[in-house]
Amino acid sequence: MDQTSQSAPSTSHVQKETFPYRCGILIPSSNTTVEREAFRLMNSLGDLINFHFSRLYLESVTEEALLAMKQDLTNELTKLASANMNCYLYACTSGSFLKGIEYAKSISNEIFQQTQRPAITTAEAIVRAIKTATSSKKPRIALITPYVEKITSVEKAFLEHQGIHVELHASMGYTDNLKIGNITLPELVNYIQSVLDESSINRSDIDLVFVSCTNLQTLPIGFLEQNLGVSVVSSNSASFFAILKTLSKHGLNKTGVMKQKLIHLLGMDLL
């Protein structure tokens, strides 16, 4: 969870306390998935981490609503900071990629400036995770989103600007965020399967499938990978991978059993 170069926190800002490590997560108010999937990670890590949540008002996944959501940031951060977090995650994919990588970094920087703790947005996390999972500077991916095509097109441009080539993209067409949260894992698998089957792109032509949106149920990633026969990264697996990277700097020593649980949860290519 490194900050931008102009605002990188010194080690004195990164608390080196005993576990559990406290992570503050800011989510859209209508998001019904991040908490559930974060608890999966927490269970895999035992007593090493606690997650604490604040909500930013959002009902519809539209450009106007996503940008307006950030207006609640200062107040919600103040609440989380009162519990002395160790780090922060701004867990909204579209709300952080919408105006480009510098906008995403500015959100992380704003959180750091207010709290003096490391922070990352999901938009930053997905770029890092995709490049980590593929071990490539120019990954080739299939992009799957629950958004309307307009939002998906913005994300495609965002990813390609970061050197990630989108060979194929598909939009499910939702703006109602509650409906996105109600999509089940089997329904998601069926949708992605149909997109891949109907495409002229061979699976060997892509390095992985990226499933966007923190409100889409995607964990365990192992379930998606086993059913699709291809590597998968999602907004939540990428976000939690960023948290794990921070934990690793603070003494997290993954045991064999823990690592197996994390591989199934977040995917082999990230662990």
Foldseek 3Di string as FASTA:
>chain_A
DAAPPVQGFDVVLQDQDQDQAEEEEEEAPLQPFLVVLVVLLCVLQDGNYDYHYDHFYDFWPDPVRLQVSCVCVVVRLVVVCVVPHREYEHQWQLSQPVVADVSQSVVQSVSCVNRVHGYGYLNVLVLVQQCQLQVDQAFEEEEEEQDAVVSVVSVQVRNVVSRYHYPHYDYNHGTGLNVQLVQDQVNVLVVVQVRQVPDPDDLVNGQAYEYETSSHDCWQVLVSCVSNVHHYAYSSLSRVLVVVVSVVVNDDDQDPSSVVSNCRTNHPSSD
